[in-house]
Amino acid sequence: MDICIKNIKVVHEDIKDGRDKDFARAFDLMQEAECIYYLGFGYGPVNMDRLKIRDLLADKATFGTGKGLTQHECNEARNLVGGTSQLNPVLGADCIQLLREYVDWT
């Protein structure tokens, strides 16, 4: 976890912030991953486009936090990526709840 914490980057929605290579690297890593967990992700359309979530392989287990979101907002986030299974915000789940209930730690 310490390694993860040290490498967290806060990314603003400014598409001219020079981080396109970071988004490309994130996409490559997500393509290679077996499972993807979106923690504290705001599901903003600009960042979802920059991460190319719509283009991820559909056979991945994906879950995301949905704390403070309504069912409608969770559905809207899915619709932004074509309603596919690449994005599954869990209604009401915060980071701890998502990790405790959805991550297979084995």
C-alpha atoms as a PDB file:
ATOM      1  CA  MET A   1       0.000   0.000   0.000  1.00  0.00           C
ATOM      2  CA  ASP A   2       2.864   2.404   0.769  1.00  0.00           C
ATOM      3  CA  ILE A   3       4.124   2.050  -2.784  1.00  0.00           C
ATOM      4  CA  CYS A   4       0.634   2.741  -4.137  1.00  0.00           C
ATOM      5  CA  ILE A   5       0.142   5.749  -1.888  1.00  0.00           C
ATOM      6  CA  LYS A   6       3.435   7.309  -2.999  1.00  0.00           C
ATOM      7  CA  ASN A   7       2.422   6.967  -6.647  1.00  0.00           C
ATOM      8  CA  ILE A   8      -1.072   8.435  -6.506  1.00  0.00           C
ATOM      9  CA  LYS A   9      -1.454  11.369  -8.851  1.00  0.00           C
ATOM     10  CA  VAL A  10      -4.276  13.846  -8.662  1.00  0.00           C
ATOM     11  CA  VAL A  11      -5.274  14.606 -12.220  1.00  0.00           C
ATOM     12  CA  HIS A  12      -7.354  17.604 -13.104  1.00  0.00           C
ATOM     13  CA  GLU A  13      -9.662  17.621 -16.104  1.00  0.00           C
ATOM     14  CA  ASP A  14      -7.510  20.126 -17.991  1.00  0.00           C
ATOM     15  CA  ILE A  15      -6.728  18.208 -21.179  1.00  0.00           C
ATOM     16  CA  LYS A  16      -3.691  20.410 -21.818  1.00  0.00           C
ATOM     17  CA  ASP A  17      -1.945  19.491 -18.583  1.00  0.00           C
ATOM     18  CA  GLY A  18       0.748  17.424 -20.335  1.00  0.00           C
ATOM     19  CA  ARG A  19      -0.269  14.127 -18.772  1.00  0.00           C
ATOM     20  CA  ASP A  20      -1.394  12.299 -21.898  1.00  0.00           C
ATOM     21  CA  LYS A  21       1.537   9.883 -21.521  1.00  0.00           C
ATOM     22  CA  ASP A  22       0.340   9.125 -17.969  1.00  0.00           C
ATOM     23  CA  PHE A  23      -3.129   8.315 -19.280  1.00  0.00           C
ATOM     24  CA  ALA A  24      -1.664   6.115 -22.021  1.00  0.00           C
ATOM     25  CA  ARG A  25       0.418   4.260 -19.417  1.00  0.00           C
ATOM     26  CA  ALA A  26      -2.636   3.861 -17.157  1.00  0.00           C
ATOM     27  CA  PHE A  27      -4.608   2.416 -20.077  1.00  0.00           C
ATOM     28  CA  ASP A  28      -1.813  -0.063 -20.857  1.00  0.00           C
ATOM     29  CA  LEU A  29      -1.729  -1.181 -17.218  1.00  0.00           C
ATOM     30  CA  MET A  30      -5.507  -1.541 -17.106  1.00  0.00           C
ATOM     31  CA  GLN A  31      -5.414  -3.645 -20.286  1.00  0.00           C
ATOM     32  CA  GLU A  32      -2.957  -6.024 -18.590  1.00  0.00           C
ATOM     33  CA  ALA A  33      -4.846  -6.201 -15.282  1.00  0.00           C
ATOM     34  CA  GLU A  34      -7.191  -9.023 -14.359  1.00  0.00           C
ATOM     35  CA  CYS A  35      -9.345  -6.746 -12.183  1.00  0.00           C
ATOM     36  CA  ILE A  36      -9.728  -2.981 -12.061  1.00  0.00           C
ATOM     37  CA  TYR A  37     -10.922  -1.021  -9.030  1.00  0.00           C
ATOM     38  CA  TYR A  38     -11.760   2.654  -9.419  1.00  0.00           C
ATOM     39  CA  LEU A  39     -11.242   4.222  -5.989  1.00  0.00           C
ATOM     40  CA  GLY A  40     -12.496   7.743  -5.412  1.00  0.00           C
ATOM     41  CA  PHE A  41     -12.999   8.185  -9.144  1.00  0.00           C
ATOM     42  CA  GLY A  42     -15.440  10.932 -10.099  1.00  0.00           C
ATOM     43  CA  TYR A  43     -16.536   9.365 -13.423  1.00  0.00           C
ATOM     44  CA  GLY A  44     -16.139  12.670 -15.244  1.00  0.00           C
ATOM     45  CA  PRO A  45     -16.512  12.264 -19.004  1.00  0.00           C
ATOM     46  CA  VAL A  46     -13.195  13.964 -19.820  1.00  0.00           C
ATOM     47  CA  ASN A  47     -11.150  11.661 -17.603  1.00  0.00           C
ATOM     48  CA  MET A  48     -13.079   8.570 -18.711  1.00  0.00           C
ATOM     49  CA  ASP A  49     -12.303   9.502 -22.321  1.00  0.00           C
ATOM     50  CA  ARG A  50      -8.649  10.169 -21.498  1.00  0.00           C
ATOM     51  CA  LEU A  51      -8.379   6.753 -19.815  1.00  0.00           C
ATOM     52  CA  LYS A  52     -10.149   5.101 -22.796  1.00  0.00           C
ATOM     53  CA  ILE A  53     -12.338   3.098 -20.440  1.00  0.00           C
ATOM     54  CA  ARG A  54     -14.707   2.367 -23.330  1.00  0.00           C
ATOM     55  CA  ASP A  55     -11.861   0.533 -25.095  1.00  0.00           C
ATOM     56  CA  LEU A  56     -10.969  -1.826 -22.254  1.00  0.00           C
ATOM     57  CA  LEU A  57     -11.529  -5.519 -22.734  1.00  0.00           C
ATOM     58  CA  ALA A  58     -15.020  -6.509 -21.590  1.00  0.00           C
ATOM     59  CA  ASP A  59     -13.883  -9.664 -19.808  1.00  0.00           C
ATOM     60  CA  LYS A  60     -12.346  -7.814 -16.842  1.00  0.00           C
ATOM     61  CA  ALA A  61     -13.866  -7.652 -13.390  1.00  0.00           C
ATOM     62  CA  THR A  62     -14.270  -3.940 -12.699  1.00  0.00           C
ATOM     63  CA  PHE A  63     -15.735  -2.149  -9.723  1.00  0.00           C
ATOM     64  CA  GLY A  64     -15.655   1.427  -8.524  1.00  0.00           C
ATOM     65  CA  THR A  65     -16.659   3.469  -5.554  1.00  0.00           C
ATOM     66  CA  GLY A  66     -20.077   5.071  -5.688  1.00  0.00           C
ATOM     67  CA  LYS A  67     -20.188   6.934  -2.377  1.00  0.00           C
ATOM     68  CA  GLY A  68     -22.676   9.769  -2.614  1.00  0.00           C
ATOM     69  CA  LEU A  69     -23.884   8.728  -6.056  1.00  0.00           C
ATOM     70  CA  THR A  70     -27.477   7.928  -6.896  1.00  0.00           C
ATOM     71  CA  GLN A  71     -28.477   4.896  -8.953  1.00  0.00           C
ATOM     72  CA  HIS A  72     -29.143   7.277 -11.834  1.00  0.00           C
ATOM     73  CA  GLU A  73     -25.597   8.694 -11.591  1.00  0.00           C
ATOM     74  CA  CYS A  74     -24.092   5.193 -11.535  1.00  0.00           C
ATOM     75  CA  ASN A  75     -26.114   4.345 -14.637  1.00  0.00           C
ATOM     76  CA  GLU A  76     -25.036   7.583 -16.325  1.00  0.00           C
ATOM     77  CA  ALA A  77     -21.375   6.741 -15.675  1.00  0.00           C
ATOM     78  CA  ARG A  78     -21.906   3.327 -17.323  1.00  0.00           C
ATOM     79  CA  ASN A  79     -23.699   4.970 -20.241  1.00  0.00           C
ATOM     80  CA  LEU A  80     -20.701   7.268 -20.853  1.00  0.00           C
ATOM     81  CA  VAL A  81     -18.696   4.184 -21.795  1.00  0.00           C
ATOM     82  CA  GLY A  82     -21.448   2.603 -23.855  1.00  0.00           C
ATOM     83  CA  GLY A  83     -23.228   0.789 -21.029  1.00  0.00           C
ATOM     84  CA  THR A  84     -20.578  -1.915 -21.069  1.00  0.00           C
ATOM     85  CA  SER A  85     -19.232  -3.899 -18.150  1.00  0.00           C
ATOM     86  CA  GLN A  86     -15.947  -1.963 -18.093  1.00  0.00           C
ATOM     87  CA  LEU A  87     -17.392   0.336 -15.461  1.00  0.00           C
ATOM     88  CA  ASN A  88     -19.363  -0.807 -12.434  1.00  0.00           C
ATOM     89  CA  PRO A  89     -19.751   1.884  -9.786  1.00  0.00           C
ATOM     90  CA  VAL A  90     -21.082   0.258  -6.612  1.00  0.00           C
ATOM     91  CA  LEU A  91     -23.928   2.383  -5.286  1.00  0.00           C
ATOM     92  CA  GLY A  92     -22.983   3.933  -1.937  1.00  0.00           C
ATOM     93  CA  ALA A  93     -19.626   2.132  -1.622  1.00  0.00           C
ATOM     94  CA  ASP A  94     -16.663   4.047  -0.258  1.00  0.00           C
ATOM     95  CA  CYS A  95     -13.058   2.899  -0.760  1.00  0.00           C
ATOM     96  CA  ILE A  96     -12.913   0.704   2.340  1.00  0.00           C
ATOM     97  CA  GLN A  97     -16.261  -0.954   1.646  1.00  0.00           C
ATOM     98  CA  LEU A  98     -15.332  -1.634  -1.968  1.00  0.00           C
ATOM     99  CA  LEU A  99     -11.999  -3.169  -0.993  1.00  0.00           C
ATOM    100  CA  ARG A 100     -13.539  -5.277   1.778  1.00  0.00           C
ATOM    101  CA  GLU A 101     -16.493  -6.564  -0.220  1.00  0.00           C
ATOM    102  CA  TYR A 102     -15.308  -6.795  -3.825  1.00  0.00           C
ATOM    103  CA  VAL A 103     -11.575  -7.546  -3.842  1.00  0.00           C
ATOM    104  CA  ASP A 104     -10.536 -11.187  -3.943  1.00  0.00           C
ATOM    105  CA  TRP A 105      -7.421 -11.050  -1.768  1.00  0.00           C
ATOM    106  CA  THR A 106      -6.419 -14.661  -2.448  1.00  0.00           C
END
